[in-house]
Amino acid sequence: MNTLNSIQKPEELFTLLCEASANKQWDTARDIAEEITNIGAQGTWLDLAYDLADGLKTIYKASDHIFSVENPLSEEHTQLIIESQHWVSNTLNLPAPTLIIEVTADDVPTHAITGFNNFGFIAINSESIKNKSLLVHEITHCSLMSRALFLDEGLATLLEYKYKQTAIHIDETDWNRPSLAAIIESDWSYDPYFSHIAPVETNFAEPIEGDHKAHKLAAFLVTKFIQNKGMEYVVTNWKKLKPSFKDGRTYEVIKNMFAVDLWELDATLYHFSETKYSSKTAIELLDMAKRALALGDKSIITPHLEELRLRAFQNLTSLNALVRALILFGINGNDDAKNKFYRTEALAAINWAKTRGCDEQDLRFFEVYTYVFKLRNAAHAINMRKIGTQTSLAFEKLLKDYPNEPEVLITSARAQIKTYYDMLPLDSWREKLTKISTHNLYGSAAEQLLNEDRFLLQKTN
């Protein structure tokens, strides 16, 4: 039998806490709550631990792996949960998770609170609890998580539809959405597209009308994983996913782990109707993106973002334009959450450009912005100083290698404004910026920079 000191897994500690609290063993419950604190529990879970340990929430045991808070579960509800629990356990070939159930008011949406595998808290109303496919969805979240929220929703939705014996169909669509690689790597809570572009089913008993749903898209992708590698392999590797997703590497992780090419799959989901495009050529759109980035003016390229997302699948020129647009959106603006999402999408697109054979100069240009993104995301002062130095050196090296390239010059000049030491002498900066002040793409940006205090010649008496 496990002793408290030998237990390290939070799900085991919480199960023991539920048992102790249900039996009103308060001294034991408080010892367990302290141990839960010691292993680093935070937020909702830590609050719950002490609410249970102090008797502030009354908990009832319904079965070996099912508890309820505030009110005991009826025999009917308990049996429905047990049957759903066993179905998920058998499908995933995992132990049945321990569940805390709260039966809520009818107007409270069903949701699961998770933080670790094999344990979870499900809030559900008395009508929804009768919907076993909905229970399957929420219990799946409590059984297995990758912590890549899009994929976790996909797995739960897949099992929900599998239980309902309903096929998941994804029609060709021209959603104005990021690539699958970017969506996977993004934190769901920071993603403006799920609510505004791809509506999410929030009540599975009464789904939102229409087929353009992020849950189905995610389930469609997880289906591909299982078709290629089998359920056992997917379950075994699921927990390894999130630590691997970083700085746009999602494409390689998914391809290596599940043999799914995200860019090829995305291409099959887009409908390439010419009527969706403007009359502008790919070169013209690239020039617009270059000019927008040089000026820091999103309005120039914003109307063409959806088009660029589609055209990026057709040619490298459009992909290069898309990357520049995403870089601009990622660094320009005050909406930190939304900008963070664009940065992730930009990193995924840069990775895609590498696989497509983007030339060395473009890749070098894109990669200096990876340092800018890291700098924008840095919170600690020491990290900001370290990354700031790395960013300045990256721009300085880019400028040294491409000293007469207008786009590089404009970009480096903007970096110079925020850099303490000089990449070039002041007169060299003014000479170079003056030379391109009549350039059709970069002239306005050069004139703008020449009027910055950093580049104005110092007046002497």
Protein backbone atom coordinates (compact mmCIF):
# COMPACT_ATOMS: atom_id res chain seq x y z
CA MET A 1 0.00 0.00 0.00
CA ASN A 2 1.26 3.49 -0.83
CA THR A 3 2.26 5.73 2.02
CA LEU A 4 1.94 9.47 1.75
CA ASN A 5 5.71 9.98 1.66
CA SER A 6 6.16 7.53 -1.23
CA ILE A 7 3.56 9.15 -3.48
CA GLN A 8 4.82 11.66 -6.03
CA LYS A 9 2.02 11.70 -8.62
CA PRO A 10 -0.54 14.46 -8.05
CA GLU A 11 -3.44 12.31 -9.24
CA GLU A 12 -2.66 9.75 -6.51
CA LEU A 13 -2.46 12.45 -3.85
CA PHE A 14 -5.75 14.00 -4.94
CA THR A 15 -7.44 10.59 -4.91
CA LEU A 16 -6.24 10.02 -1.35
CA LEU A 17 -7.40 13.53 -0.42
CA CYS A 18 -10.88 12.84 -1.78
CA GLU A 19 -11.02 9.60 0.24
CA ALA A 20 -9.85 11.32 3.42
CA SER A 21 -12.22 14.25 3.04
CA ALA A 22 -15.19 12.01 2.21
CA ASN A 23 -14.44 10.03 5.40
CA LYS A 24 -13.92 13.26 7.41
CA GLN A 25 -10.33 12.29 8.26
CA TRP A 26 -9.28 15.92 8.59
CA ASP A 27 -5.75 15.47 9.93
CA THR A 28 -4.89 13.12 7.08
CA ALA A 29 -6.59 15.43 4.58
CA ARG A 30 -4.53 18.42 5.71
CA ASP A 31 -1.28 16.42 5.53
CA ILE A 32 -2.14 15.47 1.95
CA ALA A 33 -3.00 19.08 1.06
CA GLU A 34 0.41 20.17 2.37
CA GLU A 35 2.10 17.50 0.27
CA ILE A 36 0.12 18.69 -2.76
CA THR A 37 1.50 22.17 -2.04
CA ASN A 38 5.04 20.76 -1.84
CA ILE A 39 4.84 19.20 -5.30
CA GLY A 40 3.93 22.58 -6.80
CA ALA A 41 0.15 22.60 -7.22
CA GLN A 42 -1.18 26.08 -7.98
CA GLY A 43 -4.35 28.03 -8.71
CA THR A 44 -7.62 26.15 -8.94
CA TRP A 45 -6.14 22.81 -7.88
CA LEU A 46 -4.45 24.20 -4.79
CA ASP A 47 -7.64 26.03 -3.81
CA LEU A 48 -9.60 22.81 -4.25
CA ALA A 49 -7.11 20.84 -2.15
CA TYR A 50 -7.50 23.13 0.86
CA ASP A 51 -11.26 23.47 0.39
CA LEU A 52 -11.47 19.68 0.67
CA ALA A 53 -8.93 19.45 3.49
CA ASP A 54 -10.69 22.13 5.56
CA GLY A 55 -14.18 20.83 4.85
CA LEU A 56 -15.18 23.99 2.98
CA LYS A 57 -16.40 21.76 0.16
CA THR A 58 -18.34 18.66 1.11
CA ILE A 59 -17.32 15.63 -0.92
CA TYR A 60 -19.15 12.31 -1.34
CA LYS A 61 -17.82 8.99 -2.63
CA ALA A 62 -20.00 7.45 -5.34
CA SER A 63 -17.63 4.65 -6.46
CA ASP A 64 -13.94 3.73 -6.36
CA HIS A 65 -13.07 6.38 -8.93
CA ILE A 66 -16.00 8.81 -8.70
CA PHE A 67 -16.64 11.52 -6.12
CA SER A 68 -19.07 14.44 -6.08
CA VAL A 69 -18.97 17.81 -4.36
CA GLU A 70 -21.77 19.59 -2.50
CA ASN A 71 -24.39 16.91 -3.26
CA PRO A 72 -24.26 13.11 -3.61
CA LEU A 73 -24.82 11.66 -7.08
CA SER A 74 -27.94 9.65 -7.79
CA GLU A 75 -27.54 5.96 -8.64
CA GLU A 76 -28.65 6.73 -12.21
CA HIS A 77 -26.04 9.45 -12.68
CA THR A 78 -23.32 7.35 -11.07
CA GLN A 79 -24.04 4.45 -13.41
CA LEU A 80 -23.97 6.70 -16.48
CA ILE A 81 -20.58 8.07 -15.44
CA ILE A 82 -19.18 4.59 -14.69
CA GLU A 83 -20.27 3.31 -18.10
CA SER A 84 -18.74 6.33 -19.89
CA GLN A 85 -15.60 6.06 -17.77
CA HIS A 86 -15.13 2.39 -18.69
CA TRP A 87 -15.76 3.08 -22.37
CA VAL A 88 -13.02 5.73 -22.46
CA SER A 89 -10.69 3.51 -20.43
CA ASN A 90 -11.18 0.58 -22.81
CA THR A 91 -10.81 2.73 -25.93
CA LEU A 92 -7.56 4.31 -24.77
CA ASN A 93 -6.38 1.20 -22.90
CA LEU A 94 -5.70 3.31 -19.82
CA PRO A 95 -6.78 3.03 -16.17
CA ALA A 96 -10.10 4.65 -15.36
CA PRO A 97 -9.47 8.23 -14.19
CA THR A 98 -10.59 9.43 -10.77
CA LEU A 99 -13.31 12.05 -11.21
CA ILE A 100 -14.83 14.76 -9.07
CA ILE A 101 -18.30 15.62 -10.37
CA GLU A 102 -20.23 18.78 -9.61
CA VAL A 103 -23.85 18.85 -10.76
CA THR A 104 -24.46 22.50 -11.60
CA ALA A 105 -27.38 24.76 -12.43
CA ASP A 106 -28.85 24.30 -15.89
CA ASP A 107 -27.35 27.53 -17.27
CA VAL A 108 -23.75 26.57 -16.40
CA PRO A 109 -21.88 25.18 -19.45
CA THR A 110 -20.36 21.74 -19.13
CA HIS A 111 -16.60 21.82 -18.68
CA ALA A 112 -13.71 19.80 -17.30
CA ILE A 113 -10.87 21.16 -15.19
CA THR A 114 -7.67 19.24 -15.81
CA GLY A 115 -4.04 19.66 -14.88
CA PHE A 116 -2.61 16.18 -14.97
CA ASN A 117 -3.51 12.81 -16.44
CA ASN A 118 -5.87 10.28 -14.82
CA PHE A 119 -7.71 12.81 -12.62
CA GLY A 120 -10.18 15.59 -13.31
CA PHE A 121 -13.05 17.77 -12.15
CA ILE A 122 -16.19 17.85 -14.32
CA ALA A 123 -18.94 20.45 -13.86
CA ILE A 124 -22.15 19.35 -15.60
CA ASN A 125 -25.87 20.01 -15.20
CA SER A 126 -28.51 17.39 -14.45
CA GLU A 127 -29.72 17.18 -18.07
CA SER A 128 -26.33 17.09 -19.77
CA ILE A 129 -25.13 14.33 -17.45
CA LYS A 130 -27.56 12.01 -19.25
CA ASN A 131 -25.66 12.57 -22.51
CA LYS A 132 -23.04 9.81 -22.49
CA SER A 133 -21.20 11.13 -25.56
CA LEU A 134 -20.72 14.41 -23.71
CA LEU A 135 -19.46 12.51 -20.66
CA VAL A 136 -17.06 10.60 -22.91
CA HIS A 137 -15.67 13.91 -24.24
CA GLU A 138 -15.02 15.35 -20.78
CA ILE A 139 -13.71 12.09 -19.31
CA THR A 140 -11.23 11.83 -22.19
CA HIS A 141 -9.80 15.21 -21.12
CA CYS A 142 -9.40 13.84 -17.59
CA SER A 143 -7.78 10.62 -18.81
CA LEU A 144 -5.08 11.87 -21.15
CA MET A 145 -3.66 15.28 -22.02
CA SER A 146 -0.85 16.51 -24.22
CA ARG A 147 -1.37 20.08 -22.95
CA ALA A 148 -1.46 21.15 -26.59
CA LEU A 149 -5.06 22.24 -26.20
CA PHE A 150 -6.08 22.03 -29.86
CA LEU A 151 -4.94 18.40 -30.04
CA ASP A 152 -6.53 17.58 -26.67
CA GLU A 153 -9.85 18.91 -27.96
CA GLY A 154 -9.32 16.82 -31.08
CA LEU A 155 -8.81 13.59 -29.13
CA ALA A 156 -11.82 14.24 -26.89
CA THR A 157 -14.02 15.14 -29.87
CA LEU A 158 -12.87 12.08 -31.78
CA LEU A 159 -13.89 9.76 -28.93
CA GLU A 160 -17.16 11.63 -28.52
CA TYR A 161 -18.05 11.11 -32.18
CA LYS A 162 -16.78 7.53 -32.06
CA TYR A 163 -19.13 6.83 -29.17
CA LYS A 164 -22.02 8.39 -31.10
CA GLN A 165 -20.94 6.32 -34.13
CA THR A 166 -20.96 9.53 -36.15
CA ALA A 167 -18.35 10.18 -38.83
CA ILE A 168 -16.31 13.39 -38.74
CA HIS A 169 -16.48 15.16 -42.10
CA ILE A 170 -14.33 18.15 -42.97
CA ASP A 171 -15.41 19.98 -46.10
CA GLU A 172 -13.05 22.01 -48.26
CA THR A 173 -12.99 25.42 -46.67
CA ASP A 174 -11.43 28.81 -47.20
CA TRP A 175 -11.31 29.72 -43.49
CA ASN A 176 -9.25 32.75 -42.81
CA ARG A 177 -7.24 30.84 -40.26
CA PRO A 178 -3.61 30.10 -39.44
CA SER A 179 -1.97 26.88 -40.56
CA LEU A 180 -2.56 23.69 -38.61
CA ALA A 181 1.07 23.85 -37.47
CA ALA A 182 0.49 27.29 -35.94
CA ILE A 183 -2.86 26.38 -34.38
CA ILE A 184 -1.38 23.30 -32.69
CA GLU A 185 1.48 25.27 -31.19
CA SER A 186 -0.72 28.12 -29.98
CA ASP A 187 -2.25 28.34 -26.55
CA TRP A 188 -6.03 28.01 -27.08
CA SER A 189 -6.79 30.79 -24.59
CA TYR A 190 -4.76 33.31 -26.61
CA ASP A 191 -6.20 32.38 -29.99
CA PRO A 192 -8.68 34.90 -31.42
CA TYR A 193 -9.47 32.64 -34.37
CA PHE A 194 -11.32 29.91 -32.47
CA SER A 195 -14.08 32.26 -31.39
CA HIS A 196 -14.17 34.62 -34.37
CA ILE A 197 -13.26 32.43 -37.36
CA ALA A 198 -13.85 28.79 -36.46
CA PRO A 199 -16.74 28.61 -33.94
CA VAL A 200 -16.26 26.07 -31.17
CA GLU A 201 -18.91 23.65 -29.92
CA THR A 202 -19.40 24.69 -26.31
CA ASN A 203 -22.50 22.58 -25.73
CA PHE A 204 -22.15 19.22 -27.41
CA ALA A 205 -25.70 18.24 -26.61
CA GLU A 206 -26.84 21.06 -28.89
CA PRO A 207 -24.02 21.70 -31.39
CA ILE A 208 -23.65 25.02 -33.16
CA GLU A 209 -25.11 24.81 -36.64
CA GLY A 210 -22.61 24.44 -39.48
CA ASP A 211 -19.51 22.37 -40.13
CA HIS A 212 -16.75 24.94 -39.68
CA LYS A 213 -15.77 24.03 -36.14
CA ALA A 214 -12.32 23.93 -34.63
CA HIS A 215 -13.16 20.80 -32.62
CA LYS A 216 -13.94 18.85 -35.77
CA LEU A 217 -10.82 20.11 -37.49
CA ALA A 218 -8.74 18.95 -34.53
CA ALA A 219 -10.51 15.57 -34.44
CA PHE A 220 -9.91 15.14 -38.16
CA LEU A 221 -6.19 15.67 -37.57
CA VAL A 222 -6.01 13.23 -34.64
CA THR A 223 -7.80 10.67 -36.82
CA LYS A 224 -4.89 10.95 -39.26
CA PHE A 225 -2.45 10.26 -36.42
CA ILE A 226 -4.32 7.10 -35.45
CA GLN A 227 -4.69 5.91 -39.04
CA ASN A 228 -0.94 6.19 -39.54
CA LYS A 229 0.35 4.89 -36.22
CA GLY A 230 -2.49 3.20 -34.35
CA MET A 231 -4.25 4.17 -31.13
CA GLU A 232 -1.73 2.50 -28.81
CA TYR A 233 1.16 4.45 -30.31
CA VAL A 234 -0.77 7.73 -30.19
CA VAL A 235 -1.73 7.25 -26.54
CA THR A 236 1.83 6.29 -25.56
CA ASN A 237 3.32 9.36 -27.23
CA TRP A 238 0.57 11.86 -26.41
CA LYS A 239 2.26 13.23 -23.29
CA LYS A 240 5.49 13.82 -25.21
CA LEU A 241 3.94 16.34 -27.56
CA LYS A 242 3.77 19.66 -25.72
CA PRO A 243 7.43 19.84 -24.62
CA SER A 244 8.43 19.36 -28.27
CA PHE A 245 6.39 22.27 -29.65
CA LYS A 246 8.61 25.33 -29.57
CA ASP A 247 9.68 28.13 -31.90
CA GLY A 248 7.78 26.86 -34.91
CA ARG A 249 9.03 23.28 -34.85
CA THR A 250 5.54 21.75 -34.74
CA TYR A 251 5.71 20.62 -38.36
CA GLU A 252 8.80 18.44 -37.78
CA VAL A 253 7.45 17.04 -34.49
CA ILE A 254 4.16 15.92 -36.05
CA LYS A 255 5.81 14.56 -39.18
CA ASN A 256 8.43 12.60 -37.24
CA MET A 257 6.04 11.31 -34.59
CA PHE A 258 2.90 10.57 -36.58
CA ALA A 259 4.03 10.63 -40.25
CA VAL A 260 1.54 13.42 -41.02
CA ASP A 261 2.67 16.29 -43.25
CA LEU A 262 0.73 19.25 -41.88
CA TRP A 263 1.36 21.47 -44.90
CA GLU A 264 0.11 18.81 -47.33
CA LEU A 265 -2.92 18.14 -45.14
CA ASP A 266 -3.70 21.85 -44.89
CA ALA A 267 -3.52 22.17 -48.67
CA THR A 268 -6.23 19.51 -49.05
CA LEU A 269 -8.51 21.50 -46.72
CA TYR A 270 -8.31 24.73 -48.71
CA HIS A 271 -10.39 25.41 -51.80
CA PHE A 272 -8.22 27.26 -54.33
CA SER A 273 -10.87 29.12 -56.29
CA GLU A 274 -9.43 32.00 -58.30
CA THR A 275 -12.49 34.05 -57.43
CA LYS A 276 -11.13 34.36 -53.92
CA TYR A 277 -8.07 36.23 -55.11
CA SER A 278 -7.48 39.85 -56.00
CA SER A 279 -6.11 40.75 -59.41
CA LYS A 280 -2.66 41.33 -57.93
CA THR A 281 0.18 39.01 -58.81
CA ALA A 282 2.23 37.16 -56.22
CA ILE A 283 5.13 39.57 -56.84
CA GLU A 284 2.84 42.57 -56.27
CA LEU A 285 1.61 41.10 -53.00
CA LEU A 286 5.19 40.43 -51.92
CA ASP A 287 6.10 44.05 -52.66
CA MET A 288 3.11 45.22 -50.61
CA ALA A 289 4.17 43.02 -47.69
CA LYS A 290 7.74 44.34 -47.91
CA ARG A 291 6.55 47.92 -47.94
CA ALA A 292 4.12 47.34 -45.06
CA LEU A 293 6.85 45.78 -42.91
CA ALA A 294 9.33 48.54 -43.78
CA LEU A 295 6.84 51.25 -42.78
CA GLY A 296 5.36 49.32 -39.88
CA ASP A 297 1.93 49.91 -41.43
CA LYS A 298 -0.45 46.94 -41.06
CA SER A 299 -3.23 48.64 -43.05
CA ILE A 300 -1.30 48.09 -46.29
CA ILE A 301 -1.38 44.30 -46.07
CA THR A 302 -4.28 43.50 -43.70
CA PRO A 303 -6.91 43.26 -46.50
CA HIS A 304 -4.79 40.58 -48.18
CA LEU A 305 -4.02 38.33 -45.20
CA GLU A 306 -6.67 35.72 -46.01
CA GLU A 307 -5.55 35.66 -49.62
CA LEU A 308 -1.90 35.24 -48.61
CA ARG A 309 -2.78 32.31 -46.36
CA LEU A 310 -4.34 30.58 -49.35
CA ARG A 311 -1.74 31.57 -51.92
CA ALA A 312 1.13 30.49 -49.67
CA PHE A 313 0.24 26.90 -50.62
CA GLN A 314 0.66 27.69 -54.30
CA ASN A 315 4.06 29.37 -54.56
CA LEU A 316 7.07 30.40 -52.52
CA THR A 317 6.67 34.10 -53.43
CA SER A 318 3.30 34.23 -51.68
CA LEU A 319 4.69 32.33 -48.69
CA ASN A 320 7.49 34.89 -48.38
CA ALA A 321 4.87 37.64 -48.44
CA LEU A 322 2.81 35.85 -45.78
CA VAL A 323 5.83 35.54 -43.48
CA ARG A 324 6.51 39.28 -43.72
CA ALA A 325 2.86 40.10 -43.01
CA LEU A 326 2.82 37.82 -39.96
CA ILE A 327 6.07 39.31 -38.67
CA LEU A 328 4.51 42.76 -38.93
CA PHE A 329 1.36 41.69 -37.06
CA GLY A 330 3.48 39.96 -34.44
CA ILE A 331 5.61 42.98 -33.57
CA ASN A 332 3.23 45.87 -34.22
CA GLY A 333 0.43 46.72 -31.83
CA ASN A 334 -0.59 46.80 -28.19
CA ASP A 335 -2.76 43.66 -28.03
CA ASP A 336 -0.19 41.36 -26.48
CA ALA A 337 -2.33 38.22 -26.55
CA LYS A 338 -3.18 38.60 -30.23
CA ASN A 339 0.38 39.57 -31.13
CA LYS A 340 1.65 36.47 -29.35
CA PHE A 341 -0.56 34.37 -31.56
CA TYR A 342 0.73 36.00 -34.74
CA ARG A 343 4.30 35.38 -33.57
CA THR A 344 3.58 31.69 -33.28
CA GLU A 345 2.03 31.68 -36.74
CA ALA A 346 5.03 33.56 -38.15
CA LEU A 347 7.48 31.06 -36.63
CA ALA A 348 5.51 28.17 -38.13
CA ALA A 349 5.50 29.91 -41.53
CA ILE A 350 9.27 30.51 -41.34
CA ASN A 351 9.72 26.81 -40.68
CA TRP A 352 7.52 26.09 -43.68
CA ALA A 353 9.62 28.42 -45.84
CA LYS A 354 12.71 26.40 -44.90
CA THR A 355 11.08 23.19 -46.08
CA ARG A 356 10.06 24.90 -49.33
CA GLY A 357 13.63 25.91 -50.22
CA CYS A 358 13.49 29.62 -49.35
CA ASP A 359 16.73 31.35 -50.37
CA GLU A 360 19.45 32.12 -47.83
CA GLN A 361 18.92 35.90 -47.74
CA ASP A 362 15.20 35.61 -47.03
CA LEU A 363 15.79 33.00 -44.34
CA ARG A 364 18.46 35.13 -42.68
CA PHE A 365 16.08 38.09 -42.82
CA PHE A 366 13.26 36.07 -41.25
CA GLU A 367 15.43 34.51 -38.57
CA VAL A 368 16.55 37.81 -37.06
CA TYR A 369 12.90 38.35 -36.17
CA THR A 370 12.89 35.15 -34.12
CA TYR A 371 15.11 37.08 -31.72
CA VAL A 372 12.68 40.01 -31.79
CA PHE A 373 9.82 37.65 -30.90
CA LYS A 374 11.82 36.17 -28.03
CA LEU A 375 12.57 39.67 -26.80
CA ARG A 376 8.88 40.60 -26.92
CA ASN A 377 7.99 37.47 -24.94
CA ALA A 378 10.73 37.91 -22.32
CA ALA A 379 9.47 38.96 -18.91
CA HIS A 380 12.51 38.74 -16.66
CA ALA A 381 14.95 41.68 -16.74
CA ILE A 382 18.03 39.44 -17.02
CA ASN A 383 16.48 37.51 -19.91
CA MET A 384 15.51 40.75 -21.63
CA ARG A 385 19.09 42.00 -21.42
CA LYS A 386 20.53 38.72 -22.69
CA ILE A 387 18.06 38.36 -25.56
CA GLY A 388 18.36 42.07 -26.36
CA THR A 389 22.11 41.63 -26.89
CA GLN A 390 21.51 38.56 -29.06
CA THR A 391 18.96 40.50 -31.11
CA SER A 392 21.32 43.42 -31.70
CA LEU A 393 24.15 41.09 -32.74
CA ALA A 394 21.85 39.22 -35.14
CA PHE A 395 20.84 42.48 -36.86
CA GLU A 396 24.44 43.65 -36.93
CA LYS A 397 25.59 40.44 -38.63
CA LEU A 398 22.72 40.60 -41.13
CA LEU A 399 23.69 44.17 -41.99
CA LYS A 400 27.33 43.20 -42.36
CA ASP A 401 26.48 40.34 -44.74
CA TYR A 402 23.98 42.35 -46.83
CA PRO A 403 25.16 45.97 -46.43
CA ASN A 404 23.46 47.33 -49.55
CA GLU A 405 20.18 45.42 -49.49
CA PRO A 406 17.42 48.03 -48.90
CA GLU A 407 15.10 45.74 -46.93
CA VAL A 408 17.95 44.66 -44.64
CA LEU A 409 19.08 48.26 -44.23
CA ILE A 410 15.61 49.50 -43.25
CA THR A 411 15.09 46.63 -40.83
CA SER A 412 18.50 47.09 -39.22
CA ALA A 413 17.98 50.85 -38.96
CA ARG A 414 14.78 50.25 -37.03
CA ALA A 415 16.69 47.92 -34.72
CA GLN A 416 19.43 50.56 -34.37
CA ILE A 417 16.93 53.01 -32.87
CA LYS A 418 16.52 50.68 -29.87
CA THR A 419 20.17 49.58 -29.65
CA TYR A 420 22.58 51.39 -27.35
CA TYR A 421 25.75 50.82 -29.35
CA ASP A 422 26.26 51.83 -32.98
CA MET A 423 26.10 49.21 -35.71
CA LEU A 424 27.36 51.87 -38.12
CA PRO A 425 28.64 55.41 -37.66
CA LEU A 426 25.92 58.06 -37.85
CA ASP A 427 27.17 59.50 -41.13
CA SER A 428 27.17 56.01 -42.70
CA TRP A 429 23.58 55.47 -41.62
CA ARG A 430 22.49 58.77 -43.12
CA GLU A 431 24.39 58.12 -46.34
CA LYS A 432 22.80 54.69 -46.81
CA LEU A 433 19.28 55.83 -45.90
CA THR A 434 19.58 58.86 -48.19
CA LYS A 435 20.56 56.62 -51.12
CA ILE A 436 17.36 54.60 -50.84
CA SER A 437 15.07 57.54 -50.00
CA THR A 438 13.80 57.50 -53.59
CA HIS A 439 13.34 53.72 -53.76
CA ASN A 440 9.83 52.77 -54.89
CA LEU A 441 9.30 50.32 -52.01
CA TYR A 442 11.53 51.63 -49.26
CA GLY A 443 11.76 55.36 -49.96
CA SER A 444 9.01 56.37 -47.54
CA ALA A 445 10.47 54.19 -44.80
CA ALA A 446 13.94 55.69 -45.38
CA GLU A 447 12.55 59.23 -45.14
CA GLN A 448 10.70 58.26 -41.98
CA LEU A 449 13.92 56.94 -40.42
CA LEU A 450 16.02 59.94 -41.47
CA ASN A 451 13.72 62.06 -39.30
CA GLU A 452 14.14 59.86 -36.24
CA ASP A 453 16.16 61.48 -33.45
CA ARG A 454 18.62 58.58 -33.58
CA PHE A 455 19.69 59.50 -37.11
CA LEU A 456 19.52 63.30 -36.96
CA LEU A 457 22.93 65.01 -37.10
CA GLN A 458 23.74 66.62 -33.79
CA LYS A 459 23.57 70.40 -33.95
CA THR A 460 26.58 72.32 -32.63
CA ASN A 461 26.75 75.94 -31.50
